[in-house]
Amino acid sequence: MRTRLSILGLLFLFTLNCLAAKVDTLDTFSPSMQKTIKAVVITPDGYSKKEKLPVVYLLHGYSGNYKDWITKVSKIQTLADQMNLIIVCPDGNFGSWYLDSPEVKESKYETYVSKELVDIIDKKYSTITSREGRAITGLSMGGHGALYLAFRHQDVYASAGSMSGGVDLRPFPNNWELAKYLGTYAEHPDNWEKNSVINLTHLLTPNALAITIECGTEDFFYNANVQLHEKLMYNNIPHRFTTAPGAHNWEYWENAIEYQLTFFKNEFKKKIKV
């Protein structure tokens, strides 16, 4: 009897595993940088070419890589299943800040993420290829990157989020390789001004982009996120701003991603009736 139960248990676990979201690792080629870049793609249970699904682009932070979300947040596959969406986690080259760097000519991660990668994913997977079917978010450097790319490419994304995002680069002139990609603040202040998310709100019009921002109250980026929230309020840009006790760590981001994906799912329902 115990042998039979063990076999049944194994069959049950095997069945559950077969029904789980699928994780692919893609080699994607960037024409602008002339190199191959890896990306993780999570497709939900039941994914097929018969149904076009929305896509969430999920960015890692400074010193991270394309594997971070899948290795450090165990529920990410379950969330893809529950939300019935595709999640794409590209590599941001350790510390690119997802910019087309004015100083490092071979670093063009704005072009890669917002154009080249989107084209690759839309060709390889069954996606909704209009902006209404795309969202982008990320943590820390990736939170900056997500809002930066969405604000500047509203024709590509209809929804955007940030978790503990570095939304104002100027207070950190000696941190996180920013000077490598922007030049020193002393010599190239204009690069820092025009590439900080908090200075890009003039690109927004009310309700054109669905925005959700989260940051823990103990986070070193907290004040900058509050200032961005206040500026959006002053400019009458609707958005969701959420704070809670928490620091700049995976415990906070593991909780935040569920709220972010739920926000995006609701936006997809409004726009494309999925």
C-alpha atoms as a PDB file:
ATOM      1  CA  MET A   1       0.000   0.000   0.000  1.00  0.00           C
ATOM      2  CA  ARG A   2       2.818   2.383   0.873  1.00  0.00           C
ATOM      3  CA  THR A   3       4.497   1.649  -2.461  1.00  0.00           C
ATOM      4  CA  ARG A   4       1.290   2.383  -4.332  1.00  0.00           C
ATOM      5  CA  LEU A   5       0.770   5.629  -2.447  1.00  0.00           C
ATOM      6  CA  SER A   6       4.327   6.679  -3.194  1.00  0.00           C
ATOM      7  CA  ILE A   7       3.801   6.039  -6.898  1.00  0.00           C
ATOM      8  CA  LEU A   8       0.529   7.967  -6.836  1.00  0.00           C
ATOM      9  CA  GLY A   9       2.250  10.798  -5.000  1.00  0.00           C
ATOM     10  CA  LEU A  10       4.995  10.947  -7.589  1.00  0.00           C
ATOM     11  CA  LEU A  11       2.436  10.939 -10.393  1.00  0.00           C
ATOM     12  CA  PHE A  12       0.582  13.772  -8.676  1.00  0.00           C
ATOM     13  CA  LEU A  13       3.747  15.829  -8.336  1.00  0.00           C
ATOM     14  CA  PHE A  14       4.676  15.096 -11.945  1.00  0.00           C
ATOM     15  CA  THR A  15       1.232  16.287 -13.067  1.00  0.00           C
ATOM     16  CA  LEU A  16       1.580  19.503 -11.088  1.00  0.00           C
ATOM     17  CA  ASN A  17       4.994  20.104 -12.587  1.00  0.00           C
ATOM     18  CA  CYS A  18       3.633  19.589 -16.103  1.00  0.00           C
ATOM     19  CA  LEU A  19       0.944  22.166 -15.486  1.00  0.00           C
ATOM     20  CA  ALA A  20       3.334  24.828 -14.224  1.00  0.00           C
ATOM     21  CA  ALA A  21       4.510  27.843 -16.179  1.00  0.00           C
ATOM     22  CA  LYS A  22       7.358  27.197 -18.593  1.00  0.00           C
ATOM     23  CA  VAL A  23      10.677  29.023 -18.312  1.00  0.00           C
ATOM     24  CA  ASP A  24      12.790  29.599 -21.437  1.00  0.00           C
ATOM     25  CA  THR A  25      16.213  31.201 -21.644  1.00  0.00           C
ATOM     26  CA  LEU A  26      16.644  32.986 -24.958  1.00  0.00           C
ATOM     27  CA  ASP A  27      19.724  34.205 -26.747  1.00  0.00           C
ATOM     28  CA  THR A  28      18.596  37.495 -28.285  1.00  0.00           C
ATOM     29  CA  PHE A  29      20.717  39.462 -30.717  1.00  0.00           C
ATOM     30  CA  SER A  30      20.973  43.245 -30.425  1.00  0.00           C
ATOM     31  CA  PRO A  31      21.767  44.877 -33.795  1.00  0.00           C
ATOM     32  CA  SER A  32      22.524  48.206 -32.108  1.00  0.00           C
ATOM     33  CA  MET A  33      25.166  46.648 -29.841  1.00  0.00           C
ATOM     34  CA  GLN A  34      26.191  43.798 -32.139  1.00  0.00           C
ATOM     35  CA  LYS A  35      26.060  41.208 -29.392  1.00  0.00           C
ATOM     36  CA  THR A  36      23.898  38.409 -28.006  1.00  0.00           C
ATOM     37  CA  ILE A  37      22.002  39.099 -24.781  1.00  0.00           C
ATOM     38  CA  LYS A  38      20.204  36.520 -22.661  1.00  0.00           C
ATOM     39  CA  ALA A  39      16.617  36.883 -21.458  1.00  0.00           C
ATOM     40  CA  VAL A  40      14.308  34.690 -19.403  1.00  0.00           C
ATOM     41  CA  VAL A  41      10.788  34.240 -20.765  1.00  0.00           C
ATOM     42  CA  ILE A  42       8.030  32.772 -18.573  1.00  0.00           C
ATOM     43  CA  THR A  43       4.928  31.506 -20.370  1.00  0.00           C
ATOM     44  CA  PRO A  44       1.872  30.509 -18.322  1.00  0.00           C
ATOM     45  CA  ASP A  45       0.292  27.092 -18.034  1.00  0.00           C
ATOM     46  CA  GLY A  46      -1.767  26.385 -21.126  1.00  0.00           C
ATOM     47  CA  TYR A  47       0.158  28.775 -23.330  1.00  0.00           C
ATOM     48  CA  SER A  48      -0.375  28.108 -27.026  1.00  0.00           C
ATOM     49  CA  LYS A  49      -0.160  29.915 -30.341  1.00  0.00           C
ATOM     50  CA  LYS A  50      -3.972  30.001 -30.445  1.00  0.00           C
ATOM     51  CA  GLU A  51      -4.238  32.728 -27.795  1.00  0.00           C
ATOM     52  CA  LYS A  52      -2.431  36.060 -27.855  1.00  0.00           C
ATOM     53  CA  LEU A  53      -1.281  37.112 -24.385  1.00  0.00           C
ATOM     54  CA  PRO A  54      -0.135  40.383 -22.809  1.00  0.00           C
ATOM     55  CA  VAL A  55       3.524  40.744 -21.852  1.00  0.00           C
ATOM     56  CA  VAL A  56       5.175  42.228 -18.760  1.00  0.00           C
ATOM     57  CA  TYR A  57       8.824  43.197 -19.139  1.00  0.00           C
ATOM     58  CA  LEU A  58      10.477  42.762 -15.732  1.00  0.00           C
ATOM     59  CA  LEU A  59      13.867  44.411 -15.164  1.00  0.00           C
ATOM     60  CA  HIS A  60      16.573  43.503 -12.632  1.00  0.00           C
ATOM     61  CA  GLY A  61      18.596  45.882 -10.485  1.00  0.00           C
ATOM     62  CA  TYR A  62      22.198  47.019 -10.407  1.00  0.00           C
ATOM     63  CA  SER A  63      24.709  44.119 -10.217  1.00  0.00           C
ATOM     64  CA  GLY A  64      21.922  41.667 -11.081  1.00  0.00           C
ATOM     65  CA  ASN A  65      21.150  39.723 -14.235  1.00  0.00           C
ATOM     66  CA  TYR A  66      18.369  38.149 -16.277  1.00  0.00           C
ATOM     67  CA  LYS A  67      18.076  35.177 -13.860  1.00  0.00           C
ATOM     68  CA  ASP A  68      17.387  37.221 -10.710  1.00  0.00           C
ATOM     69  CA  TRP A  69      13.607  37.175 -10.730  1.00  0.00           C
ATOM     70  CA  ILE A  70      13.293  33.487 -11.536  1.00  0.00           C
ATOM     71  CA  THR A  71      15.890  32.400  -8.960  1.00  0.00           C
ATOM     72  CA  LYS A  72      15.062  34.769  -6.095  1.00  0.00           C
ATOM     73  CA  VAL A  73      11.251  34.945  -6.248  1.00  0.00           C
ATOM     74  CA  SER A  74       9.903  31.403  -6.120  1.00  0.00           C
ATOM     75  CA  LYS A  75       6.302  32.420  -6.853  1.00  0.00           C
ATOM     76  CA  ILE A  76       7.019  34.258 -10.106  1.00  0.00           C
ATOM     77  CA  GLN A  77       5.962  31.275 -12.234  1.00  0.00           C
ATOM     78  CA  THR A  78       2.773  30.855 -10.198  1.00  0.00           C
ATOM     79  CA  LEU A  79       1.988  34.540 -10.734  1.00  0.00           C
ATOM     80  CA  ALA A  80       2.419  34.134 -14.495  1.00  0.00           C
ATOM     81  CA  ASP A  81      -0.087  31.272 -14.317  1.00  0.00           C
ATOM     82  CA  GLN A  82      -2.563  33.164 -12.145  1.00  0.00           C
ATOM     83  CA  MET A  83      -2.423  36.306 -14.273  1.00  0.00           C
ATOM     84  CA  ASN A  84      -2.256  34.389 -17.595  1.00  0.00           C
ATOM     85  CA  LEU A  85       0.483  36.570 -19.014  1.00  0.00           C
ATOM     86  CA  ILE A  86       4.008  36.301 -20.375  1.00  0.00           C
ATOM     87  CA  ILE A  87       6.881  37.676 -18.275  1.00  0.00           C
ATOM     88  CA  VAL A  88      10.154  38.667 -19.938  1.00  0.00           C
ATOM     89  CA  CYS A  89      13.302  39.309 -17.885  1.00  0.00           C
ATOM     90  CA  PRO A  90      16.123  40.753 -20.021  1.00  0.00           C
ATOM     91  CA  ASP A  91      19.727  41.181 -19.001  1.00  0.00           C
ATOM     92  CA  GLY A  92      20.715  44.779 -18.269  1.00  0.00           C
ATOM     93  CA  ASN A  93      24.489  44.219 -18.313  1.00  0.00           C
ATOM     94  CA  PHE A  94      25.123  44.620 -14.553  1.00  0.00           C
ATOM     95  CA  GLY A  95      24.797  48.407 -14.465  1.00  0.00           C
ATOM     96  CA  SER A  96      23.591  49.897 -17.746  1.00  0.00           C
ATOM     97  CA  TRP A  97      20.686  51.743 -16.109  1.00  0.00           C
ATOM     98  CA  TYR A  98      18.781  50.807 -19.285  1.00  0.00           C
ATOM     99  CA  LEU A  99      20.049  53.913 -21.082  1.00  0.00           C
ATOM    100  CA  ASP A 100      21.560  54.558 -24.462  1.00  0.00           C
ATOM    101  CA  SER A 101      24.705  55.830 -22.788  1.00  0.00           C
ATOM    102  CA  PRO A 102      26.171  59.099 -24.076  1.00  0.00           C
ATOM    103  CA  GLU A 103      29.567  58.009 -22.723  1.00  0.00           C
ATOM    104  CA  VAL A 104      29.742  54.276 -23.510  1.00  0.00           C
ATOM    105  CA  LYS A 105      28.747  54.124 -27.160  1.00  0.00           C
ATOM    106  CA  GLU A 106      28.364  50.327 -27.194  1.00  0.00           C
ATOM    107  CA  SER A 107      25.836  50.441 -24.315  1.00  0.00           C
ATOM    108  CA  LYS A 108      22.409  50.935 -25.902  1.00  0.00           C
ATOM    109  CA  TYR A 109      20.001  49.244 -23.534  1.00  0.00           C
ATOM    110  CA  GLU A 110      17.180  51.713 -24.151  1.00  0.00           C
ATOM    111  CA  THR A 111      17.169  50.681 -27.796  1.00  0.00           C
ATOM    112  CA  TYR A 112      17.549  47.009 -26.916  1.00  0.00           C
ATOM    113  CA  VAL A 113      14.729  46.740 -24.359  1.00  0.00           C
ATOM    114  CA  SER A 114      12.203  49.137 -25.897  1.00  0.00           C
ATOM    115  CA  LYS A 115      12.676  48.163 -29.549  1.00  0.00           C
ATOM    116  CA  GLU A 116      14.850  45.147 -30.358  1.00  0.00           C
ATOM    117  CA  LEU A 117      13.696  42.833 -27.562  1.00  0.00           C
ATOM    118  CA  VAL A 118      10.023  43.725 -28.058  1.00  0.00           C
ATOM    119  CA  ASP A 119      10.321  42.839 -31.745  1.00  0.00           C
ATOM    120  CA  ILE A 120      11.989  39.503 -30.913  1.00  0.00           C
ATOM    121  CA  ILE A 121       9.360  38.530 -28.333  1.00  0.00           C
ATOM    122  CA  ASP A 122       6.454  39.495 -30.602  1.00  0.00           C
ATOM    123  CA  LYS A 123       7.882  37.352 -33.406  1.00  0.00           C
ATOM    124  CA  LYS A 124       8.696  34.292 -31.297  1.00  0.00           C
ATOM    125  CA  TYR A 125       5.683  34.212 -28.944  1.00  0.00           C
ATOM    126  CA  SER A 126       1.943  34.636 -29.305  1.00  0.00           C
ATOM    127  CA  THR A 127       1.622  38.151 -27.913  1.00  0.00           C
ATOM    128  CA  ILE A 128      -0.700  41.115 -28.133  1.00  0.00           C
ATOM    129  CA  THR A 129       1.456  43.311 -30.322  1.00  0.00           C
ATOM    130  CA  SER A 130      -0.139  46.674 -29.554  1.00  0.00           C
ATOM    131  CA  ARG A 131       0.960  48.912 -26.681  1.00  0.00           C
ATOM    132  CA  GLU A 132      -2.230  47.996 -24.787  1.00  0.00           C
ATOM    133  CA  GLY A 133      -0.804  44.508 -24.307  1.00  0.00           C
ATOM    134  CA  ARG A 134       2.538  45.592 -22.852  1.00  0.00           C
ATOM    135  CA  ALA A 135       3.689  46.667 -19.395  1.00  0.00           C
ATOM    136  CA  ILE A 136       7.141  47.224 -17.936  1.00  0.00           C
ATOM    137  CA  THR A 137       8.403  47.306 -14.351  1.00  0.00           C
ATOM    138  CA  GLY A 138      11.512  46.536 -12.340  1.00  0.00           C
ATOM    139  CA  LEU A 139      13.382  46.949  -9.084  1.00  0.00           C
ATOM    140  CA  SER A 140      15.955  49.599  -8.117  1.00  0.00           C
ATOM    141  CA  MET A 141      17.974  50.304 -11.303  1.00  0.00           C
ATOM    142  CA  GLY A 142      15.220  48.380 -13.094  1.00  0.00           C
ATOM    143  CA  GLY A 143      12.559  50.576 -11.493  1.00  0.00           C
ATOM    144  CA  HIS A 144      14.320  53.588 -12.937  1.00  0.00           C
ATOM    145  CA  GLY A 145      14.667  51.767 -16.255  1.00  0.00           C
ATOM    146  CA  ALA A 146      11.001  50.791 -16.443  1.00  0.00           C
ATOM    147  CA  LEU A 147       9.665  54.309 -15.871  1.00  0.00           C
ATOM    148  CA  TYR A 148      12.405  55.856 -18.012  1.00  0.00           C
ATOM    149  CA  LEU A 149      11.588  53.614 -20.958  1.00  0.00           C
ATOM    150  CA  ALA A 150       7.818  53.863 -20.543  1.00  0.00           C
ATOM    151  CA  PHE A 151       7.831  57.668 -20.244  1.00  0.00           C
ATOM    152  CA  ARG A 152      10.001  57.950 -23.355  1.00  0.00           C
ATOM    153  CA  HIS A 153       8.260  55.213 -25.364  1.00  0.00           C
ATOM    154  CA  GLN A 154       4.553  55.533 -24.709  1.00  0.00           C
ATOM    155  CA  ASP A 155       3.919  54.108 -28.156  1.00  0.00           C
ATOM    156  CA  VAL A 156       5.406  50.808 -26.927  1.00  0.00           C
ATOM    157  CA  TYR A 157       4.017  50.459 -23.377  1.00  0.00           C
ATOM    158  CA  ALA A 158       0.597  51.317 -21.961  1.00  0.00           C
ATOM    159  CA  SER A 159       1.435  50.491 -18.332  1.00  0.00           C
ATOM    160  CA  ALA A 160       4.542  50.988 -16.207  1.00  0.00           C
ATOM    161  CA  GLY A 161       5.693  50.341 -12.673  1.00  0.00           C
ATOM    162  CA  SER A 162       8.633  50.733 -10.339  1.00  0.00           C
ATOM    163  CA  MET A 163       9.693  48.981  -7.138  1.00  0.00           C
ATOM    164  CA  SER A 164      12.256  50.860  -5.035  1.00  0.00           C
ATOM    165  CA  GLY A 165      13.265  52.705  -8.178  1.00  0.00           C
ATOM    166  CA  GLY A 166      16.247  55.028  -8.434  1.00  0.00           C
ATOM    167  CA  VAL A 167      14.026  57.684  -9.955  1.00  0.00           C
ATOM    168  CA  ASP A 168      16.411  60.596  -9.344  1.00  0.00           C
ATOM    169  CA  LEU A 169      20.043  59.892 -10.254  1.00  0.00           C
ATOM    170  CA  ARG A 170      21.469  63.274  -9.273  1.00  0.00           C
ATOM    171  CA  PRO A 171      21.900  62.660  -5.509  1.00  0.00           C
ATOM    172  CA  PHE A 172      24.224  59.715  -6.229  1.00  0.00           C
ATOM    173  CA  PRO A 173      27.117  61.032  -8.368  1.00  0.00           C
ATOM    174  CA  ASN A 174      29.602  58.449  -7.058  1.00  0.00           C
ATOM    175  CA  ASN A 175      27.395  55.357  -6.912  1.00  0.00           C
ATOM    176  CA  TRP A 176      26.585  52.321  -9.045  1.00  0.00           C
ATOM    177  CA  GLU A 177      28.753  53.155 -12.067  1.00  0.00           C
ATOM    178  CA  LEU A 178      26.473  56.043 -12.993  1.00  0.00           C
ATOM    179  CA  ALA A 179      29.448  58.248 -13.877  1.00  0.00           C
ATOM    180  CA  LYS A 180      30.694  55.584 -16.265  1.00  0.00           C
ATOM    181  CA  TYR A 181      27.502  55.759 -18.317  1.00  0.00           C
ATOM    182  CA  LEU A 182      26.623  59.454 -17.860  1.00  0.00           C
ATOM    183  CA  GLY A 183      30.008  61.066 -17.340  1.00  0.00           C
ATOM    184  CA  THR A 184      30.790  62.757 -14.041  1.00  0.00           C
ATOM    185  CA  TYR A 185      28.116  65.033 -12.650  1.00  0.00           C
ATOM    186  CA  ALA A 186      30.648  67.862 -12.376  1.00  0.00           C
ATOM    187  CA  GLU A 187      31.559  67.692 -16.086  1.00  0.00           C
ATOM    188  CA  HIS A 188      28.265  66.513 -17.629  1.00  0.00           C
ATOM    189  CA  PRO A 189      25.378  67.708 -15.412  1.00  0.00           C
ATOM    190  CA  ASP A 190      23.010  67.830 -18.376  1.00  0.00           C
ATOM    191  CA  ASN A 191      23.304  64.058 -18.843  1.00  0.00           C
ATOM    192  CA  TRP A 192      22.178  63.539 -15.267  1.00  0.00           C
ATOM    193  CA  GLU A 193      19.332  66.022 -15.543  1.00  0.00           C
ATOM    194  CA  LYS A 194      17.800  64.674 -18.748  1.00  0.00           C
ATOM    195  CA  ASN A 195      18.184  61.008 -17.788  1.00  0.00           C
ATOM    196  CA  SER A 196      16.580  61.175 -14.338  1.00  0.00           C
ATOM    197  CA  VAL A 197      12.996  59.905 -14.336  1.00  0.00           C
ATOM    198  CA  ILE A 198      11.851  62.698 -12.048  1.00  0.00           C
ATOM    199  CA  ASN A 199      12.714  65.181 -14.810  1.00  0.00           C
ATOM    200  CA  LEU A 200      10.722  63.366 -17.490  1.00  0.00           C
ATOM    201  CA  THR A 201       7.210  63.935 -16.171  1.00  0.00           C
ATOM    202  CA  HIS A 202       6.670  66.644 -18.790  1.00  0.00           C
ATOM    203  CA  LEU A 203       6.369  63.811 -21.323  1.00  0.00           C
ATOM    204  CA  LEU A 204       3.178  62.560 -19.670  1.00  0.00           C
ATOM    205  CA  THR A 205      -0.444  63.498 -20.229  1.00  0.00           C
ATOM    206  CA  PRO A 206      -3.262  62.443 -17.900  1.00  0.00           C
ATOM    207  CA  ASN A 207      -4.276  58.778 -18.296  1.00  0.00           C
ATOM    208  CA  ALA A 208      -2.047  58.131 -21.311  1.00  0.00           C
ATOM    209  CA  LEU A 209       0.113  55.760 -19.250  1.00  0.00           C
ATOM    210  CA  ALA A 210      -1.065  53.628 -16.317  1.00  0.00           C
ATOM    211  CA  ILE A 211       1.549  54.028 -13.560  1.00  0.00           C
ATOM    212  CA  THR A 212       2.174  52.173 -10.294  1.00  0.00           C
ATOM    213  CA  ILE A 213       5.062  53.055  -7.957  1.00  0.00           C
ATOM    214  CA  GLU A 214       6.102  51.267  -4.761  1.00  0.00           C
ATOM    215  CA  CYS A 215       8.877  51.967  -2.283  1.00  0.00           C
ATOM    216  CA  GLY A 216       9.599  50.919   1.289  1.00  0.00           C
ATOM    217  CA  THR A 217       9.795  53.614   3.939  1.00  0.00           C
ATOM    218  CA  GLU A 218      13.275  52.467   5.020  1.00  0.00           C
ATOM    219  CA  ASP A 219      14.635  52.495   1.459  1.00  0.00           C
ATOM    220  CA  PHE A 220      17.416  54.950   0.544  1.00  0.00           C
ATOM    221  CA  PHE A 221      15.391  55.814  -2.585  1.00  0.00           C
ATOM    222  CA  TYR A 222      12.252  56.573  -0.537  1.00  0.00           C
ATOM    223  CA  ASN A 223      12.544  60.383  -0.543  1.00  0.00           C
ATOM    224  CA  ALA A 224      13.088  60.474  -4.315  1.00  0.00           C
ATOM    225  CA  ASN A 225       9.996  58.318  -4.846  1.00  0.00           C
ATOM    226  CA  VAL A 226       7.911  60.591  -2.625  1.00  0.00           C
ATOM    227  CA  GLN A 227       9.138  63.590  -4.614  1.00  0.00           C
ATOM    228  CA  LEU A 228       8.208  61.868  -7.893  1.00  0.00           C
ATOM    229  CA  HIS A 229       4.748  61.092  -6.494  1.00  0.00           C
ATOM    230  CA  GLU A 230       4.273  64.720  -5.451  1.00  0.00           C
ATOM    231  CA  LYS A 231       5.393  65.972  -8.856  1.00  0.00           C
ATOM    232  CA  LEU A 232       2.966  63.633 -10.626  1.00  0.00           C
ATOM    233  CA  MET A 233       0.201  64.865  -8.322  1.00  0.00           C
ATOM    234  CA  TYR A 234       1.095  68.485  -9.067  1.00  0.00           C
ATOM    235  CA  ASN A 235       0.968  67.759 -12.804  1.00  0.00           C
ATOM    236  CA  ASN A 236      -2.393  65.969 -12.483  1.00  0.00           C
ATOM    237  CA  ILE A 237      -0.993  62.646 -13.692  1.00  0.00           C
ATOM    238  CA  PRO A 238      -3.081  59.792 -12.217  1.00  0.00           C
ATOM    239  CA  HIS A 239      -0.979  57.016 -10.704  1.00  0.00           C
ATOM    240  CA  ARG A 240      -0.871  54.548  -7.831  1.00  0.00           C
ATOM    241  CA  PHE A 241       1.743  55.250  -5.158  1.00  0.00           C
ATOM    242  CA  THR A 242       2.178  52.655  -2.421  1.00  0.00           C
ATOM    243  CA  THR A 243       4.488  52.725   0.576  1.00  0.00           C
ATOM    244  CA  ALA A 244       4.923  50.255   3.410  1.00  0.00           C
ATOM    245  CA  PRO A 245       7.581  49.390   5.962  1.00  0.00           C
ATOM    246  CA  GLY A 246      10.458  47.835   4.082  1.00  0.00           C
ATOM    247  CA  ALA A 247      14.021  48.246   2.906  1.00  0.00           C
ATOM    248  CA  HIS A 248      15.909  47.805  -0.357  1.00  0.00           C
ATOM    249  CA  ASN A 249      15.796  44.007  -0.431  1.00  0.00           C
ATOM    250  CA  TRP A 250      14.213  40.926  -1.967  1.00  0.00           C
ATOM    251  CA  GLU A 251      11.767  40.510   0.892  1.00  0.00           C
ATOM    252  CA  TYR A 252      10.154  43.790  -0.131  1.00  0.00           C
ATOM    253  CA  TRP A 253      10.294  43.084  -3.877  1.00  0.00           C
ATOM    254  CA  GLU A 254       8.840  39.586  -3.549  1.00  0.00           C
ATOM    255  CA  ASN A 255       5.786  41.132  -1.941  1.00  0.00           C
ATOM    256  CA  ALA A 256       5.650  44.133  -4.282  1.00  0.00           C
ATOM    257  CA  ILE A 257       5.715  42.167  -7.539  1.00  0.00           C
ATOM    258  CA  GLU A 258       2.383  40.534  -6.803  1.00  0.00           C
ATOM    259  CA  TYR A 259       0.713  43.930  -6.433  1.00  0.00           C
ATOM    260  CA  GLN A 260       2.414  45.202  -9.565  1.00  0.00           C
ATOM    261  CA  LEU A 261       1.309  42.255 -11.696  1.00  0.00           C
ATOM    262  CA  THR A 262      -2.240  42.513 -10.340  1.00  0.00           C
ATOM    263  CA  PHE A 263      -2.279  46.192 -11.320  1.00  0.00           C
ATOM    264  CA  PHE A 264      -1.113  45.328 -14.828  1.00  0.00           C
ATOM    265  CA  LYS A 265      -3.618  42.499 -15.160  1.00  0.00           C
ATOM    266  CA  ASN A 266      -6.437  44.890 -14.304  1.00  0.00           C
ATOM    267  CA  GLU A 267      -5.131  47.406 -16.844  1.00  0.00           C
ATOM    268  CA  PHE A 268      -4.962  44.700 -19.508  1.00  0.00           C
ATOM    269  CA  LYS A 269      -8.587  43.800 -18.749  1.00  0.00           C
ATOM    270  CA  LYS A 270      -9.666  47.421 -19.203  1.00  0.00           C
ATOM    271  CA  LYS A 271      -7.789  47.890 -22.446  1.00  0.00           C
ATOM    272  CA  ILE A 272      -7.921  44.551 -24.225  1.00  0.00           C
ATOM    273  CA  LYS A 273     -10.626  42.558 -22.396  1.00  0.00           C
ATOM    274  CA  VAL A 274      -8.406  39.592 -21.516  1.00  0.00           C
END
